[in-house]
């Protein structure tokens, strides 16, 4: 199950989605300023969390460890992921690299303290 929250939402309270075991992806709008503690705890199928906002207060254990957080490079979402050893995927800036092949996917990923540049090039 994938959920895109409405852009009128400001707060995701404590334990709001806790134990939603069918939730696989959630897109959180820029209007959200706070995600409460354990908001997505126990969401065992959750794989991707999209946090477009730069400033967002995130409570402790808001997300399970098995997720990938997609967030701006300088954001509270990225800070949260680093502090909790959660995988972070950042959108790339076009100036980083020019590729002559067809690129399917390019991204920066944080593994612990190591940033890795990944490219999936089409044949």
Protein backbone atom coordinates (compact mmCIF):
# COMPACT_ATOMS: atom_id res chain seq x y z
CA UNK A 1 0.00 0.00 0.00
CA UNK A 2 1.32 3.43 -0.98
CA UNK A 3 0.06 6.62 0.66
CA UNK A 4 0.46 10.24 -0.40
CA UNK A 5 -0.64 12.51 2.41
CA UNK A 6 -2.61 15.69 1.62
CA UNK A 7 -0.72 18.99 1.47
CA UNK A 8 -3.01 20.44 4.13
CA UNK A 9 -1.59 18.10 6.77
CA UNK A 10 0.70 19.74 9.35
CA UNK A 11 1.36 17.07 12.00
CA UNK A 12 1.65 13.29 11.99
CA UNK A 13 1.05 12.41 15.63
CA UNK A 14 2.63 9.76 17.84
CA UNK A 15 1.96 6.20 16.68
CA UNK A 16 -0.35 7.40 13.87
CA UNK A 17 0.60 4.62 11.46
CA UNK A 18 2.12 2.24 14.01
CA UNK A 19 1.90 -1.42 12.97
CA UNK A 20 0.40 -0.68 9.54
CA UNK A 21 2.04 -3.81 8.18
CA UNK A 22 0.81 -3.35 4.59
CA UNK A 23 2.23 0.17 4.19
CA UNK A 24 5.13 0.06 1.70
CA UNK A 25 5.66 3.71 0.73
CA UNK A 26 4.62 7.09 2.07
CA UNK A 27 5.00 10.56 0.57
CA UNK A 28 4.99 13.27 3.22
CA UNK A 29 4.15 16.76 1.92
CA UNK A 30 6.11 19.95 2.64
CA UNK A 31 3.26 21.18 4.82
CA UNK A 32 4.13 18.61 7.53
CA UNK A 33 6.29 20.20 10.22
CA UNK A 34 6.22 17.40 12.81
CA UNK A 35 6.30 13.62 12.79
CA UNK A 36 5.65 12.18 16.24
CA UNK A 37 7.62 9.45 17.95
CA UNK A 38 6.90 5.91 16.78
CA UNK A 39 4.64 7.33 14.04
CA UNK A 40 5.58 4.47 11.69
CA UNK A 41 6.99 1.98 14.22
CA UNK A 42 6.17 -1.61 13.41
CA UNK A 43 5.47 -0.87 9.73
CA UNK A 44 7.45 -3.93 8.68
CA UNK A 45 6.75 -3.60 4.93
CA UNK A 46 7.63 0.11 4.76
CA UNK A 47 10.45 0.56 2.24
CA UNK A 48 10.39 4.20 1.09
CA UNK A 49 9.65 7.45 2.91
CA UNK A 50 9.69 10.67 0.86
CA UNK A 51 10.38 13.80 2.93
CA UNK A 52 10.37 16.84 0.64
CA UNK A 53 10.57 19.42 3.44
CA UNK A 54 13.85 20.75 4.75
CA UNK A 55 12.62 21.64 8.23
CA UNK A 56 10.65 18.89 9.88
CA UNK A 57 10.78 17.81 13.49
CA UNK A 58 11.02 14.02 13.69
CA UNK A 59 10.33 12.18 16.95
CA UNK A 60 12.36 9.25 18.24
CA UNK A 61 11.85 5.92 16.51
CA UNK A 62 9.50 7.56 14.01
CA UNK A 63 10.54 5.13 11.26
CA UNK A 64 11.67 1.50 11.30
CA UNK A 65 15.30 0.78 10.38
CA UNK A 66 14.45 -1.08 7.16
CA UNK A 67 13.33 2.03 5.23
CA UNK A 68 15.05 4.27 2.74
CA UNK A 69 14.48 7.96 3.44
CA UNK A 70 14.37 10.12 0.32
CA UNK A 71 15.14 13.67 1.39
CA UNK A 72 16.90 16.90 0.44
CA UNK A 73 20.63 16.83 1.19
CA UNK A 74 20.42 19.44 3.93
CA UNK A 75 17.32 18.47 5.86
CA UNK A 76 16.11 17.23 9.20
CA UNK A 77 15.13 13.98 7.46
CA UNK A 78 18.74 13.37 6.44
CA UNK A 79 19.97 14.22 9.93
CA UNK A 80 17.43 11.83 11.46
CA UNK A 81 18.51 9.04 9.10
CA UNK A 82 22.20 9.55 9.90
CA UNK A 83 21.56 9.50 13.65
CA UNK A 84 19.49 6.33 13.37
CA UNK A 85 21.65 4.48 10.81
CA UNK A 86 18.88 4.52 8.20
CA UNK A 87 19.64 4.45 4.48
CA UNK A 88 19.29 7.88 2.83
CA UNK A 89 18.75 8.52 -0.86
CA UNK A 90 19.28 12.04 -2.14
CA UNK A 91 18.31 13.57 -5.47
CA UNK A 92 21.42 14.39 -7.49
CA UNK A 93 22.34 17.81 -8.68
CA UNK A 94 22.68 17.80 -12.49
CA UNK A 95 26.15 19.34 -12.27
CA UNK A 96 27.63 16.31 -10.51
CA UNK A 97 28.11 14.27 -13.65
CA UNK A 98 27.34 14.26 -17.34
CA UNK A 99 26.66 10.84 -18.83
CA UNK A 100 26.46 10.01 -22.53
CA UNK A 101 24.60 6.72 -21.94
CA UNK A 102 20.93 6.38 -21.12
CA UNK A 103 20.67 6.67 -17.35
CA UNK A 104 17.86 4.78 -15.66
CA UNK A 105 18.66 5.87 -12.12
CA UNK A 106 21.31 7.94 -10.42
CA UNK A 107 21.49 8.70 -6.74
CA UNK A 108 23.61 9.37 -3.71
CA UNK A 109 23.24 6.90 -0.87
CA UNK A 110 24.52 7.18 2.68
CA UNK A 111 25.90 3.99 4.23
CA UNK A 112 26.83 4.90 7.79
CA UNK A 113 29.16 7.83 7.20
CA UNK A 114 30.08 6.95 3.58
CA UNK A 115 28.33 8.63 0.65
CA UNK A 116 28.14 6.41 -2.42
CA UNK A 117 27.32 7.57 -5.96
CA UNK A 118 25.27 4.93 -7.77
CA UNK A 119 24.34 4.80 -11.44
CA UNK A 120 22.18 2.25 -13.18
CA UNK A 121 23.00 2.66 -16.88
CA UNK A 122 20.73 1.23 -19.58
CA UNK A 123 22.18 -0.91 -22.37
